[in-house]
Each structure stands twice: as C-alpha cells, then as structure tokens.
Amino acid sequence: MPAISLFLGIVIFMNYSDHQPPHFHARYQGYEASFTFDGEILAGDMPTRQRKYIAAWSLMHEEDLAANWELCRNHLAPFNIEPLR
C-alpha cells in the first residue's frame, strides 16, 4: 500500500485494488482506520484529535483522493498529496 501523505505522525495510504466504497487508510501510533473522502470513519479506530486532523485534510483534498482512487483501481501509482499544515 503506497503512502500518499504524512503529517503530524499520521500516515495516509491507499490500496491498489481495494473494495468499494472509495476510501483511504490512516495509521497513527498503533491505530489504523479507513475513511471516506469526506472524512467519515468507515472502520477501525483513531484517537479523536487525529481523526479530526484526518477529516480536515480529506475535505481539503477530496478531488485528489478521488483521482488517486482511480489510479489505484487501474493499478497505477498514486501521487503524493500535500500534508496538513
């Protein structure tokens, strides 16, 4: 799973041939969760503060996430997305 962004100790990544609905994964200090592109958690667990950071980042980059989703679904390498600052 290629990492597409890293910020505040959070690693964001996507699978190459993942299942629907479109989503991404995040890891932080032993926590792992999957999120929709509008920042809602689908599965897993994440501390509240990091969940809010991830949700804010995903809302800022919904179009980039959708473009990366299509790349991954076609087995192409996704591009990096700017971190949350």
Protein backbone atom coordinates (compact mmCIF):
# COMPACT_ATOMS: atom_id res chain seq x y z
CA MET A 1 0.00 0.00 0.00
CA PRO A 2 1.67 3.21 -1.09
CA ALA A 3 1.73 6.14 1.31
CA ILE A 4 0.26 9.27 -0.25
CA SER A 5 0.68 11.74 2.63
CA LEU A 6 2.34 12.07 6.01
CA PHE A 7 1.54 14.71 8.62
CA LEU A 8 1.61 15.01 12.41
CA GLY A 9 2.74 11.39 12.69
CA ILE A 10 -0.23 10.18 10.60
CA VAL A 11 0.44 8.09 7.50
CA ILE A 12 -2.22 8.13 4.78
CA PHE A 13 -2.25 5.37 2.17
CA MET A 14 -4.40 3.61 -0.44
CA ASN A 15 -4.61 0.02 -1.66
CA TYR A 16 -4.10 -0.75 -5.34
CA SER A 17 -7.14 -2.99 -5.69
CA ASP A 18 -9.38 -2.10 -2.81
CA HIS A 19 -13.11 -2.63 -2.48
CA GLN A 20 -15.90 -0.07 -2.68
CA PRO A 21 -16.82 2.47 -1.39
CA PRO A 22 -13.89 4.75 -2.28
CA HIS A 23 -11.77 5.28 0.82
CA PHE A 24 -8.28 5.65 2.21
CA HIS A 25 -6.46 4.26 5.22
CA ALA A 26 -4.65 6.05 8.04
CA ARG A 27 -2.17 4.84 10.65
CA TYR A 28 -1.08 6.58 13.81
CA GLN A 29 0.90 5.06 16.70
CA GLY A 30 -0.64 1.60 16.50
CA TYR A 31 -4.09 2.80 15.44
CA GLU A 32 -5.45 2.12 11.97
CA ALA A 33 -8.72 3.17 10.36
CA SER A 34 -10.30 3.64 6.95
CA PHE A 35 -12.07 6.85 5.96
CA THR A 36 -14.38 8.08 3.22
CA PHE A 37 -13.18 11.01 1.15
CA ASP A 38 -15.39 13.35 3.18
CA GLY A 39 -13.63 12.34 6.40
CA GLU A 40 -16.09 9.86 7.90
CA ILE A 41 -14.56 6.81 9.56
CA LEU A 42 -15.60 3.52 7.95
CA ALA A 43 -13.76 1.01 10.09
CA GLY A 44 -11.07 0.81 12.70
CA ASP A 45 -10.14 3.23 15.43
CA MET A 46 -8.24 6.50 15.67
CA PRO A 47 -7.78 8.95 18.56
CA THR A 48 -10.22 11.86 18.42
CA ARG A 49 -7.63 14.57 17.74
CA GLN A 50 -6.05 12.62 14.86
CA ARG A 51 -9.50 11.74 13.50
CA LYS A 52 -10.28 15.48 13.31
CA TYR A 53 -6.97 16.21 11.55
CA ILE A 54 -7.64 13.43 9.05
CA ALA A 55 -11.20 14.65 8.41
CA ALA A 56 -10.00 18.23 7.80
CA TRP A 57 -7.24 17.03 5.48
CA SER A 58 -9.58 14.78 3.50
CA LEU A 59 -12.14 17.55 2.97
CA MET A 60 -9.38 19.78 1.60
CA HIS A 61 -8.24 17.03 -0.79
CA GLU A 62 -11.41 15.21 -1.88
CA GLU A 63 -10.63 15.69 -5.58
CA ASP A 64 -7.04 14.49 -5.16
CA LEU A 65 -8.25 11.45 -3.22
CA ALA A 66 -10.77 10.61 -5.96
CA ALA A 67 -8.06 10.92 -8.62
CA ASN A 68 -5.73 8.66 -6.62
CA TRP A 69 -8.55 6.16 -6.11
CA GLU A 70 -8.95 5.86 -9.89
CA LEU A 71 -5.19 5.48 -10.37
CA CYS A 72 -5.04 2.72 -7.77
CA ARG A 73 -8.08 0.94 -9.24
CA ASN A 74 -6.18 0.88 -12.55
CA HIS A 75 -3.05 -0.46 -10.80
CA LEU A 76 -1.17 2.80 -11.32
CA ALA A 77 0.91 4.56 -8.68
CA PRO A 78 -0.96 7.30 -6.82
CA PHE A 79 0.57 10.74 -6.44
CA ASN A 80 1.52 12.35 -3.15
CA ILE A 81 -0.96 14.76 -1.61
CA GLU A 82 0.14 17.78 0.39
CA PRO A 83 0.16 17.23 4.14
CA LEU A 84 -1.96 19.14 6.60
CA ARG A 85 -0.09 22.23 7.79
